[in-house]
C-alpha cells in the first residue's frame, strides 16, 4: 500500500477518534488581521460559526466568530512539537447538479497538484430520562483541491445510513475529475477503481495517470 493511501485512510480514522475524544485543547487562534491569541478551546467542528475560547490568564469564556479567523493550531498531546492545524476555507458541495459553497474547518492531510483535506462533525443527539430520542452521530468529510481552486467534497463517512450513497459519491468524483482526469471518471463509473472507503486510491490513480507535476509532497 502506498504512502498516500496509508495517509488518507489512517488519518481519517485518527482525526475522527481524536476530535470526538477531546473536549478542550491548548490552542492558538490566528486572526485575519494578523493577531493571535493562545488559550483553551473547545473542539472545532465541521461548520462551526463560533468558537468557545478562554484566553490564557483569563477565566472569561469568549465567543469567537469563525469568519474572523484564518486558522487554529491545537497542541497534539502525544507530540507537542507538531500542532494540529485546521483552516477555515470556503468549500464546494454538489448536493445536486448545481454547486453550493459553505465555510468549513478543514485539515490538510496531503499536499500536491491535488491536495486532500478532512473535516469532522459530531451531533450529540437528544436524550430524555430513559433513552435517546435522536441518536448521536458523526460525519467525516474528505475534500480534494485542484491547485488553488476551492476544496470540493469527494467522499463522506457517516454513522447514519444514507440512501443512494454510491450514486452520490460517483457524482462528487465526476464533478471534480471530469476536466482534469476524464479517464479516472470513466474507470470509476465502470467500477474499475475499487475505492470502498479509501479515497487514497483516487489520489494514487490521479498521480500515476494524470498529474502534470510529479513533484508532490506528502504531509
Protein backbone atom coordinates (compact mmCIF):
# COMPACT_ATOMS: atom_id res chain seq x y z
CA UNK A 1 0.00 0.00 0.00
CA UNK A 2 1.42 3.42 -0.99
CA UNK A 3 2.24 6.15 1.50
CA UNK A 4 -0.52 8.34 0.05
CA UNK A 5 -3.16 5.66 0.59
CA UNK A 6 -1.95 4.95 4.12
CA UNK A 7 -2.07 8.64 4.99
CA UNK A 8 -5.57 9.19 3.67
CA UNK A 9 -7.07 6.07 5.21
CA UNK A 10 -5.35 6.18 8.62
CA UNK A 11 -5.69 9.92 9.22
CA UNK A 12 -9.42 9.92 8.52
CA UNK A 13 -9.88 7.39 11.31
CA UNK A 14 -7.38 9.15 13.60
CA UNK A 15 -8.93 12.57 13.17
CA UNK A 16 -12.44 11.28 13.84
CA UNK A 17 -11.43 9.49 17.05
CA UNK A 18 -9.19 12.34 18.20
CA UNK A 19 -11.76 15.08 17.67
CA UNK A 20 -14.52 13.11 19.34
CA UNK A 21 -12.45 12.12 22.38
CA UNK A 22 -11.09 15.59 23.21
CA UNK A 23 -13.27 18.28 24.78
CA UNK A 24 -10.80 21.13 25.36
CA UNK A 25 -7.45 21.92 23.78
CA UNK A 26 -4.48 24.18 24.32
CA UNK A 27 -4.70 26.19 21.13
CA UNK A 28 -3.58 29.31 19.27
CA UNK A 29 -6.07 31.31 17.21
CA UNK A 30 -4.73 33.12 14.13
CA UNK A 31 -6.92 36.07 13.12
CA UNK A 32 -7.30 37.54 9.64
CA UNK A 33 -5.91 40.88 10.88
CA UNK A 34 -2.61 39.18 11.76
CA UNK A 35 -3.15 39.00 15.53
CA UNK A 36 -3.23 35.82 17.57
CA UNK A 37 -4.47 34.56 20.93
CA UNK A 38 -3.49 31.48 22.97
CA UNK A 39 -5.64 29.64 25.47
CA UNK A 40 -8.15 26.81 25.78
CA UNK A 41 -10.63 25.98 23.06
CA UNK A 42 -13.50 23.56 22.69
CA UNK A 43 -13.16 21.26 19.69
CA UNK A 44 -13.70 22.83 16.28
CA UNK A 45 -16.29 21.00 14.22
CA UNK A 46 -17.04 20.93 10.51
CA UNK A 47 -19.09 24.12 10.07
CA UNK A 48 -18.88 25.85 13.45
CA UNK A 49 -19.65 29.55 13.07
CA UNK A 50 -18.49 30.46 16.59
CA UNK A 51 -15.75 29.02 18.81
CA UNK A 52 -15.86 28.99 22.63
CA UNK A 53 -12.45 30.23 23.82
CA UNK A 54 -10.76 31.08 27.15
CA UNK A 55 -7.61 33.15 26.72
CA UNK A 56 -4.55 32.33 28.85
CA UNK A 57 -4.63 34.32 32.10
CA UNK A 58 -8.39 34.77 31.95
CA UNK A 59 -11.41 32.80 33.14
CA UNK A 60 -13.85 34.54 30.80
CA UNK A 61 -15.43 32.48 28.04
CA UNK A 62 -15.40 34.30 24.70
CA UNK A 63 -17.42 33.55 21.60
CA UNK A 64 -15.08 33.99 18.64
CA UNK A 65 -16.65 34.42 15.21
CA UNK A 66 -15.19 31.84 12.87
CA UNK A 67 -15.02 34.23 9.92
CA UNK A 68 -12.63 36.48 11.86
CA UNK A 69 -10.09 33.61 11.87
CA UNK A 70 -7.65 32.22 9.33
CA UNK A 71 -6.65 29.06 11.18
CA UNK A 72 -6.43 27.31 14.56
CA UNK A 73 -3.46 25.31 15.85
CA UNK A 74 -4.06 22.66 18.51
CA UNK A 75 -1.31 21.21 20.63
CA UNK A 76 -1.08 17.47 19.99
CA UNK A 77 -0.78 15.90 23.48
CA UNK A 78 1.19 12.97 22.05
CA UNK A 79 3.69 15.15 20.19
CA UNK A 80 3.79 18.75 21.39
CA UNK A 81 6.17 19.93 18.65
CA UNK A 82 3.67 19.04 15.90
CA UNK A 83 0.45 21.01 16.32
CA UNK A 84 -2.74 20.01 14.52
CA UNK A 85 -3.83 22.83 12.19
CA UNK A 86 -7.36 23.41 10.92
CA UNK A 87 -8.16 26.19 8.45
CA UNK A 88 -11.43 27.94 7.69
CA UNK A 89 -12.00 27.68 3.95
CA UNK A 90 -14.87 28.06 1.51
CA UNK A 91 -15.71 24.55 0.30
CA UNK A 92 -17.77 23.28 -2.62
CA UNK A 93 -20.61 20.76 -2.24
CA UNK A 94 -22.64 19.15 -5.02
CA UNK A 95 -25.94 18.28 -3.35
CA UNK A 96 -27.48 18.47 -6.84
CA UNK A 97 -26.18 19.40 -10.30
CA UNK A 98 -25.58 22.95 -9.07
CA UNK A 99 -22.57 23.54 -6.80
CA UNK A 100 -23.04 25.19 -3.41
CA UNK A 101 -20.39 26.70 -1.14
CA UNK A 102 -20.10 26.82 2.64
CA UNK A 103 -17.30 27.72 5.01
CA UNK A 104 -15.91 24.74 6.92
CA UNK A 105 -12.94 23.87 9.11
CA UNK A 106 -10.56 21.60 7.19
CA UNK A 107 -7.32 19.81 7.98
CA UNK A 108 -4.85 19.22 5.16
CA UNK A 109 -3.59 15.63 5.01
CA UNK A 110 -1.95 15.55 1.57
CA UNK A 111 -0.22 18.24 -0.47
CA UNK A 112 0.22 18.15 -4.23
CA UNK A 113 -1.30 19.27 -7.51
CA UNK A 114 -4.42 17.72 -5.98
CA UNK A 115 -4.41 18.22 -2.21
CA UNK A 116 -6.64 16.43 0.28
CA UNK A 117 -8.42 17.66 3.41
CA UNK A 118 -10.76 16.23 6.02
CA UNK A 119 -13.43 17.72 8.26
CA UNK A 120 -15.18 16.21 11.26
CA UNK A 121 -18.66 16.77 12.64
CA UNK A 122 -20.45 15.31 15.67
CA UNK A 123 -24.04 15.53 16.86
CA UNK A 124 -24.58 14.54 20.49
CA UNK A 125 -28.19 13.59 19.84
CA UNK A 126 -31.15 14.21 22.16
CA UNK A 127 -31.71 12.15 25.27
CA UNK A 128 -34.61 12.10 27.71
CA UNK A 129 -34.54 10.43 31.11
CA UNK A 130 -34.58 6.92 29.66
CA UNK A 131 -33.22 6.82 26.12
CA UNK A 132 -32.09 8.80 23.08
CA UNK A 133 -34.89 10.26 21.00
CA UNK A 134 -32.24 11.33 18.48
CA UNK A 135 -29.21 9.03 18.26
CA UNK A 136 -25.72 10.62 18.45
CA UNK A 137 -23.96 10.62 15.08
CA UNK A 138 -20.68 11.61 13.46
CA UNK A 139 -19.60 12.65 9.99
CA UNK A 140 -16.17 12.72 8.33
CA UNK A 141 -15.88 14.55 5.01
CA UNK A 142 -13.00 14.23 2.53
CA UNK A 143 -12.27 17.16 0.21
CA UNK A 144 -9.92 17.34 -2.77
CA UNK A 145 -8.49 20.62 -4.03
CA UNK A 146 -7.04 21.10 -7.52
CA UNK A 147 -4.18 23.63 -7.41
CA UNK A 148 -5.62 26.88 -5.97
CA UNK A 149 -9.28 26.14 -6.57
CA UNK A 150 -11.73 25.76 -3.69
CA UNK A 151 -11.73 22.40 -1.87
CA UNK A 152 -14.52 20.18 -3.17
CA UNK A 153 -16.32 17.34 -1.40
CA UNK A 154 -15.29 13.91 -2.72
CA UNK A 155 -16.38 11.42 -0.08
CA UNK A 156 -18.18 11.26 3.28
CA UNK A 157 -18.28 8.63 6.00
CA UNK A 158 -21.13 8.86 8.50
CA UNK A 159 -22.61 6.75 11.26
CA UNK A 160 -26.14 7.01 9.87
CA UNK A 161 -27.48 5.32 6.75
CA UNK A 162 -27.53 7.46 3.59
CA UNK A 163 -29.75 6.34 0.69
CA UNK A 164 -28.08 6.27 -2.75
CA UNK A 165 -24.68 6.96 -1.21
CA UNK A 166 -22.80 5.20 -4.01
CA UNK A 167 -24.58 7.32 -6.61
CA UNK A 168 -23.82 10.50 -4.65
CA UNK A 169 -20.11 9.63 -4.40
CA UNK A 170 -19.95 8.98 -8.15
CA UNK A 171 -21.42 12.43 -8.74
CA UNK A 172 -18.77 14.01 -6.48
CA UNK A 173 -15.94 12.18 -8.25
CA UNK A 174 -17.32 13.04 -11.69
CA UNK A 175 -17.68 16.75 -10.91
CA UNK A 176 -14.17 17.05 -9.52
CA UNK A 177 -12.18 14.99 -12.04
CA UNK A 178 -14.19 15.43 -15.28
CA UNK A 179 -11.85 18.12 -16.67
CA UNK A 180 -8.52 17.21 -15.07
CA UNK A 181 -8.65 13.39 -15.40
CA UNK A 182 -11.52 12.06 -17.60
CA UNK A 183 -10.00 8.56 -17.60
CA UNK A 184 -10.35 8.37 -13.82
CA UNK A 185 -14.02 9.33 -14.12
CA UNK A 186 -14.80 6.68 -16.74
CA UNK A 187 -12.91 3.95 -14.87
CA UNK A 188 -14.58 4.87 -11.59
CA UNK A 189 -18.07 4.91 -13.11
CA UNK A 190 -17.39 1.50 -14.68
CA UNK A 191 -16.30 0.18 -11.24
CA UNK A 192 -12.72 -0.41 -12.44
CA UNK A 193 -11.41 1.57 -9.45
CA UNK A 194 -12.19 -0.16 -6.16
CA UNK A 195 -12.23 2.72 -3.68
CA UNK A 196 -14.59 1.41 -0.99
CA UNK A 197 -13.92 3.83 1.93
CA UNK A 198 -10.35 4.70 0.95
CA UNK A 199 -10.08 7.91 -1.09
CA UNK A 200 -6.31 7.43 -1.27
CA UNK A 201 -6.98 5.07 -4.20
CA UNK A 202 -8.26 8.04 -6.23
CA UNK A 203 -5.25 10.13 -5.29
CA UNK A 204 -2.85 7.35 -6.27
CA UNK A 205 -4.63 6.83 -9.61
CA UNK A 206 -4.50 10.55 -10.39
CA UNK A 207 -0.83 10.90 -9.53
CA UNK A 208 0.13 7.91 -11.68
CA UNK A 209 -2.03 8.72 -14.71
CA UNK A 210 -3.00 12.39 -14.82
CA UNK A 211 -0.71 14.52 -12.65
CA UNK A 212 1.05 17.24 -14.66
CA UNK A 213 3.55 17.86 -11.87
CA UNK A 214 5.15 14.74 -10.44
CA UNK A 215 6.98 16.68 -7.72
CA UNK A 216 4.36 16.36 -5.00
CA UNK A 217 4.93 16.12 -1.27
CA UNK A 218 3.13 14.26 1.48
CA UNK A 219 2.19 15.65 4.86
